Amino acid sequence: LVFQLPAVPPDWQFLIDIIPAQLAAERLARLSGVDCDSFRYCSFIVEDEYGLLSEEAGTPKDKK
């Protein structure tokens, strides 16, 4: 399958290169019954810059 595309600026070429692979990965995930919109190994999002470490283990204390 070949598509003819207009000229793409070099700064945007990465989109043209990756989109077909992303679409194929989504299709294969749906065919195999995998939820492609969820994390497989880590179901939570770390919002703190210290990650999963507790305050005692990794957070530097402010010195005043």
PDB file of N, CA and C in Angstrom:
ATOM      1  N   LEU A   1       0.850  -1.165   0.000  1.00  0.00           N
ATOM      2  CA  LEU A   1       0.000   0.000   0.000  1.00  0.00           C
ATOM      3  C   LEU A   1       0.900   1.234   0.000  1.00  0.00           C
ATOM      4  N   VAL A   2       0.692   2.104  -0.949  1.00  0.00           N
ATOM      5  CA  VAL A   2       1.532   3.289  -1.095  1.00  0.00           C
ATOM      6  C   VAL A   2       0.647   4.517  -1.198  1.00  0.00           C
ATOM      7  N   PHE A   3       0.984   5.525  -0.438  1.00  0.00           N
ATOM      8  CA  PHE A   3       0.293   6.811  -0.505  1.00  0.00           C
ATOM      9  C   PHE A   3       1.264   7.854  -1.029  1.00  0.00           C
ATOM     10  N   GLN A   4       0.803   8.667  -1.921  1.00  0.00           N
ATOM     11  CA  GLN A   4       1.595   9.796  -2.390  1.00  0.00           C
ATOM     12  C   GLN A   4       1.258  10.997  -1.511  1.00  0.00           C
ATOM     13  N   LEU A   5       2.257  11.546  -0.863  1.00  0.00           N
ATOM     14  CA  LEU A   5       2.061  12.687   0.027  1.00  0.00           C
ATOM     15  C   LEU A   5       2.774  13.907  -0.538  1.00  0.00           C
ATOM     16  N   PRO A   6       2.250  15.074  -0.253  1.00  0.00           N
ATOM     17  CA  PRO A   6       2.976  16.278  -0.665  1.00  0.00           C
ATOM     18  C   PRO A   6       4.282  16.400   0.119  1.00  0.00           C
ATOM     19  N   ALA A   7       5.132  17.269  -0.333  1.00  0.00           N
ATOM     20  CA  ALA A   7       6.415  17.474   0.347  1.00  0.00           C
ATOM     21  C   ALA A   7       6.178  17.891   1.797  1.00  0.00           C
ATOM     22  N   VAL A   8       6.958  17.292   2.685  1.00  0.00           N
ATOM     23  CA  VAL A   8       6.834  17.566   4.116  1.00  0.00           C
ATOM     24  C   VAL A   8       8.128  18.228   4.582  1.00  0.00           C
ATOM     25  N   PRO A   9       8.027  19.315   5.333  1.00  0.00           N
ATOM     26  CA  PRO A   9       9.252  19.932   5.865  1.00  0.00           C
ATOM     27  C   PRO A   9      10.012  18.931   6.741  1.00  0.00           C
ATOM     28  N   PRO A  10      11.326  18.956   6.695  1.00  0.00           N
ATOM     29  CA  PRO A  10      12.127  17.993   7.467  1.00  0.00           C
ATOM     30  C   PRO A  10      11.805  17.976   8.959  1.00  0.00           C
ATOM     31  N   ASP A  11      11.410  19.112   9.518  1.00  0.00           N
ATOM     32  CA  ASP A  11      11.096  19.155  10.947  1.00  0.00           C
ATOM     33  C   ASP A  11       9.848  18.356  11.295  1.00  0.00           C
ATOM     34  N   TRP A  12       8.993  18.072  10.332  1.00  0.00           N
ATOM     35  CA  TRP A  12       7.750  17.339  10.561  1.00  0.00           C
ATOM     36  C   TRP A  12       7.793  15.920   9.993  1.00  0.00           C
ATOM     37  N   GLN A  13       8.904  15.507   9.437  1.00  0.00           N
ATOM     38  CA  GLN A  13       9.008  14.186   8.819  1.00  0.00           C
ATOM     39  C   GLN A  13       8.777  13.062   9.834  1.00  0.00           C
ATOM     40  N   PHE A  14       9.155  13.279  11.084  1.00  0.00           N
ATOM     41  CA  PHE A  14       8.969  12.240  12.101  1.00  0.00           C
ATOM     42  C   PHE A  14       7.507  11.827  12.223  1.00  0.00           C
ATOM     43  N   LEU A  15       6.579  12.760  12.033  1.00  0.00           N
ATOM     44  CA  LEU A  15       5.158  12.410  12.103  1.00  0.00           C
ATOM     45  C   LEU A  15       4.766  11.476  10.975  1.00  0.00           C
ATOM     46  N   ILE A  16       5.249  11.760   9.790  1.00  0.00           N
ATOM     47  CA  ILE A  16       4.940  10.916   8.640  1.00  0.00           C
ATOM     48  C   ILE A  16       5.544   9.531   8.835  1.00  0.00           C
ATOM     49  N   ASP A  17       6.692   9.457   9.490  1.00  0.00           N
ATOM     50  CA  ASP A  17       7.356   8.175   9.713  1.00  0.00           C
ATOM     51  C   ASP A  17       6.678   7.343  10.791  1.00  0.00           C
ATOM     52  N   ILE A  18       6.170   7.958  11.842  1.00  0.00           N
ATOM     53  CA  ILE A  18       5.680   7.200  12.995  1.00  0.00           C
ATOM     54  C   ILE A  18       4.194   6.886  12.950  1.00  0.00           C
ATOM     55  N   ILE A  19       3.399   7.712  12.305  1.00  0.00           N
ATOM     56  CA  ILE A  19       1.944   7.510  12.333  1.00  0.00           C
ATOM     57  C   ILE A  19       1.523   6.137  11.807  1.00  0.00           C
ATOM     58  N   PRO A  20       2.056   5.641  10.690  1.00  0.00           N
ATOM     59  CA  PRO A  20       1.650   4.289  10.256  1.00  0.00           C
ATOM     60  C   PRO A  20       1.970   3.204  11.286  1.00  0.00           C
ATOM     61  N   ALA A  21       3.108   3.312  11.956  1.00  0.00           N
ATOM     62  CA  ALA A  21       3.455   2.322  12.980  1.00  0.00           C
ATOM     63  C   ALA A  21       2.508   2.409  14.168  1.00  0.00           C
ATOM     64  N   GLN A  22       2.124   3.609  14.562  1.00  0.00           N
ATOM     65  CA  GLN A  22       1.182   3.774  15.667  1.00  0.00           C
ATOM     66  C   GLN A  22      -0.187   3.202  15.314  1.00  0.00           C
ATOM     67  N   LEU A  23      -0.639   3.453  14.099  1.00  0.00           N
ATOM     68  CA  LEU A  23      -1.935   2.916  13.671  1.00  0.00           C
ATOM     69  C   LEU A  23      -1.908   1.393  13.611  1.00  0.00           C
ATOM     70  N   ALA A  24      -0.803   0.824  13.129  1.00  0.00           N
ATOM     71  CA  ALA A  24      -0.678  -0.633  13.077  1.00  0.00           C
ATOM     72  C   ALA A  24      -0.651  -1.227  14.484  1.00  0.00           C
ATOM     73  N   ALA A  25       0.059  -0.590  15.410  1.00  0.00           N
ATOM     74  CA  ALA A  25       0.117  -1.080  16.790  1.00  0.00           C
ATOM     75  C   ALA A  25      -1.255  -1.036  17.445  1.00  0.00           C
ATOM     76  N   GLU A  26      -2.012   0.030  17.200  1.00  0.00           N
ATOM     77  CA  GLU A  26      -3.358   0.122  17.766  1.00  0.00           C
ATOM     78  C   GLU A  26      -4.257  -0.973  17.205  1.00  0.00           C
ATOM     79  N   ARG A  27      -4.173  -1.207  15.918  1.00  0.00           N
ATOM     80  CA  ARG A  27      -5.011  -2.234  15.287  1.00  0.00           C
ATOM     81  C   ARG A  27      -4.667  -3.625  15.820  1.00  0.00           C
ATOM     82  N   LEU A  28      -3.385  -3.926  15.932  1.00  0.00           N
ATOM     83  CA  LEU A  28      -2.973  -5.228  16.459  1.00  0.00           C
ATOM     84  C   LEU A  28      -3.406  -5.409  17.912  1.00  0.00           C
ATOM     85  N   ALA A  29      -3.342  -4.351  18.696  1.00  0.00           N
ATOM     86  CA  ALA A  29      -3.783  -4.431  20.089  1.00  0.00           C
ATOM     87  C   ALA A  29      -5.273  -4.723  20.155  1.00  0.00           C
ATOM     88  N   ARG A  30      -6.050  -4.058  19.332  1.00  0.00           N
ATOM     89  CA  ARG A  30      -7.496  -4.292  19.345  1.00  0.00           C
ATOM     90  C   ARG A  30      -7.835  -5.704  18.868  1.00  0.00           C
ATOM     91  N   LEU A  31      -7.114  -6.199  17.862  1.00  0.00           N
ATOM     92  CA  LEU A  31      -7.351  -7.559  17.378  1.00  0.00           C
ATOM     93  C   LEU A  31      -7.016  -8.605  18.435  1.00  0.00           C
ATOM     94  N   SER A  32      -6.015  -8.329  19.255  1.00  0.00           N
ATOM     95  CA  SER A  32      -5.629  -9.292  20.286  1.00  0.00           C
ATOM     96  C   SER A  32      -6.377  -9.081  21.596  1.00  0.00           C
ATOM     97  N   GLY A  33      -7.266  -8.081  21.647  1.00  0.00           N
ATOM     98  CA  GLY A  33      -8.081  -7.866  22.833  1.00  0.00           C
ATOM     99  C   GLY A  33      -7.403  -7.077  23.937  1.00  0.00           C
ATOM    100  N   VAL A  34      -6.335  -6.389  23.627  1.00  0.00           N
ATOM    101  CA  VAL A  34      -5.603  -5.600  24.614  1.00  0.00           C
ATOM    102  C   VAL A  34      -6.125  -4.171  24.586  1.00  0.00           C
ATOM    103  N   ASP A  35      -6.303  -3.587  25.775  1.00  0.00           N
ATOM    104  CA  ASP A  35      -6.715  -2.190  25.855  1.00  0.00           C
ATOM    105  C   ASP A  35      -5.487  -1.326  25.590  1.00  0.00           C
ATOM    106  N   CYS A  36      -5.437  -0.721  24.429  1.00  0.00           N
ATOM    107  CA  CYS A  36      -4.245   0.044  24.043  1.00  0.00           C
ATOM    108  C   CYS A  36      -4.191   1.415  24.699  1.00  0.00           C
ATOM    109  N   ASP A  37      -5.215   1.791  25.451  1.00  0.00           N
ATOM    110  CA  ASP A  37      -5.234   3.094  26.106  1.00  0.00           C
ATOM    111  C   ASP A  37      -4.897   3.020  27.588  1.00  0.00           C
ATOM    112  N   SER A  38      -4.388   1.889  28.046  1.00  0.00           N
ATOM    113  CA  SER A  38      -4.020   1.767  29.457  1.00  0.00           C
ATOM    114  C   SER A  38      -2.568   1.316  29.563  1.00  0.00           C
ATOM    115  N   PHE A  39      -1.980   1.573  30.727  1.00  0.00           N
ATOM    116  CA  PHE A  39      -0.616   1.151  30.965  1.00  0.00           C
ATOM    117  C   PHE A  39      -0.610  -0.331  31.308  1.00  0.00           C
ATOM    118  N   ARG A  40       0.368  -1.050  30.814  1.00  0.00           N
ATOM    119  CA  ARG A  40       0.444  -2.479  31.067  1.00  0.00           C
ATOM    120  C   ARG A  40       1.146  -2.784  32.389  1.00  0.00           C
ATOM    121  N   TYR A  41       2.252  -2.152  32.664  1.00  0.00           N
ATOM    122  CA  TYR A  41       3.068  -2.504  33.818  1.00  0.00           C
ATOM    123  C   TYR A  41       2.961  -1.520  34.972  1.00  0.00           C
ATOM    124  N   CYS A  42       2.526  -0.328  34.719  1.00  0.00           N
ATOM    125  CA  CYS A  42       2.471   0.697  35.760  1.00  0.00           C
ATOM    126  C   CYS A  42       1.152   1.442  35.599  1.00  0.00           C
ATOM    127  N   SER A  43       0.199   1.141  36.449  1.00  0.00           N
ATOM    128  CA  SER A  43      -1.147   1.682  36.273  1.00  0.00           C
ATOM    129  C   SER A  43      -1.343   3.043  36.930  1.00  0.00           C
ATOM    130  N   PHE A  44      -0.299   3.609  37.490  1.00  0.00           N
ATOM    131  CA  PHE A  44      -0.441   4.897  38.150  1.00  0.00           C
ATOM    132  C   PHE A  44       0.499   5.912  37.499  1.00  0.00           C
ATOM    133  N   ILE A  45       0.245   7.169  37.742  1.00  0.00           N
ATOM    134  CA  ILE A  45       1.066   8.241  37.198  1.00  0.00           C
ATOM    135  C   ILE A  45       1.763   8.937  38.353  1.00  0.00           C
ATOM    136  N   VAL A  46       3.058   9.097  38.229  1.00  0.00           N
ATOM    137  CA  VAL A  46       3.839   9.766  39.258  1.00  0.00           C
ATOM    138  C   VAL A  46       3.816  11.258  38.965  1.00  0.00           C
ATOM    139  N   GLU A  47       3.271  12.033  39.889  1.00  0.00           N
ATOM    140  CA  GLU A  47       3.153  13.472  39.683  1.00  0.00           C
ATOM    141  C   GLU A  47       4.177  14.267  40.478  1.00  0.00           C
ATOM    142  N   ASP A  48       4.968  13.592  41.294  1.00  0.00           N
ATOM    143  CA  ASP A  48       5.951  14.260  42.127  1.00  0.00           C
ATOM    144  C   ASP A  48       7.331  14.032  41.525  1.00  0.00           C
ATOM    145  N   GLU A  49       8.199  15.004  41.596  1.00  0.00           N
ATOM    146  CA  GLU A  49       9.512  14.857  40.999  1.00  0.00           C
ATOM    147  C   GLU A  49      10.365  13.809  41.704  1.00  0.00           C
ATOM    148  N   TYR A  50       9.974  13.383  42.910  1.00  0.00           N
ATOM    149  CA  TYR A  50      10.731  12.373  43.638  1.00  0.00           C
ATOM    150  C   TYR A  50      10.201  10.972  43.392  1.00  0.00           C
ATOM    151  N   GLY A  51       9.230  10.836  42.526  1.00  0.00           N
ATOM    152  CA  GLY A  51       8.744   9.528  42.136  1.00  0.00           C
ATOM    153  C   GLY A  51       8.023   8.797  43.238  1.00  0.00           C
ATOM    154  N   LEU A  52       8.381   7.544  43.414  1.00  0.00           N
ATOM    155  CA  LEU A  52       7.688   6.683  44.358  1.00  0.00           C
ATOM    156  C   LEU A  52       8.318   6.694  45.746  1.00  0.00           C
ATOM    157  N   LEU A  53       9.413   7.423  45.916  1.00  0.00           N
ATOM    158  CA  LEU A  53      10.075   7.459  47.213  1.00  0.00           C
ATOM    159  C   LEU A  53       9.245   8.248  48.209  1.00  0.00           C
ATOM    160  N   SER A  54       9.262   7.793  49.424  1.00  0.00           N
ATOM    161  CA  SER A  54       8.539   8.525  50.459  1.00  0.00           C
ATOM    162  C   SER A  54       9.317   9.775  50.841  1.00  0.00           C
ATOM    163  N   GLU A  55       8.683  10.637  51.600  1.00  0.00           N
ATOM    164  CA  GLU A  55       9.329  11.888  52.003  1.00  0.00           C
ATOM    165  C   GLU A  55      10.591  11.617  52.815  1.00  0.00           C
ATOM    166  N   GLU A  56      10.560  10.603  53.673  1.00  0.00           N
ATOM    167  CA  GLU A  56      11.716  10.306  54.504  1.00  0.00           C
ATOM    168  C   GLU A  56      12.883   9.792  53.670  1.00  0.00           C
ATOM    169  N   ALA A  57      12.594   9.073  52.602  1.00  0.00           N
ATOM    170  CA  ALA A  57      13.657   8.424  51.848  1.00  0.00           C
ATOM    171  C   ALA A  57      14.341   9.341  50.847  1.00  0.00           C
ATOM    172  N   GLY A  58      13.593  10.231  50.196  1.00  0.00           N
ATOM    173  CA  GLY A  58      14.234  10.932  49.103  1.00  0.00           C
ATOM    174  C   GLY A  58      14.066  12.427  49.025  1.00  0.00           C
ATOM    175  N   THR A  59      13.166  12.994  49.748  1.00  0.00           N
ATOM    176  CA  THR A  59      12.921  14.420  49.618  1.00  0.00           C
ATOM    177  C   THR A  59      13.963  15.212  50.392  1.00  0.00           C
ATOM    178  N   PRO A  60      14.703  16.084  49.707  1.00  0.00           N
ATOM    179  CA  PRO A  60      15.660  16.909  50.452  1.00  0.00           C
ATOM    180  C   PRO A  60      14.933  17.933  51.306  1.00  0.00           C
ATOM    181  N   LYS A  61      15.466  18.198  52.455  1.00  0.00           N
ATOM    182  CA  LYS A  61      14.857  19.156  53.380  1.00  0.00           C
ATOM    183  C   LYS A  61      15.366  20.557  53.068  1.00  0.00           C
ATOM    184  N   ASP A  62      14.480  21.531  53.122  1.00  0.00           N
ATOM    185  CA  ASP A  62      14.889  22.922  52.942  1.00  0.00           C
ATOM    186  C   ASP A  62      15.646  23.374  54.183  1.00  0.00           C
ATOM    187  N   LYS A  63      16.779  23.998  53.951  1.00  0.00           N
ATOM    188  CA  LYS A  63      17.563  24.525  55.077  1.00  0.00           C
ATOM    189  C   LYS A  63      17.305  26.011  55.168  1.00  0.00           C
ATOM    190  N   LYS A  64      16.800  26.453  56.311  1.00  0.00           N
ATOM    191  CA  LYS A  64      16.495  27.871  56.503  1.00  0.00           C
ATOM    192  C   LYS A  64      17.371  28.454  57.567  1.00  0.00           C
TER     193      LYS A  64
END
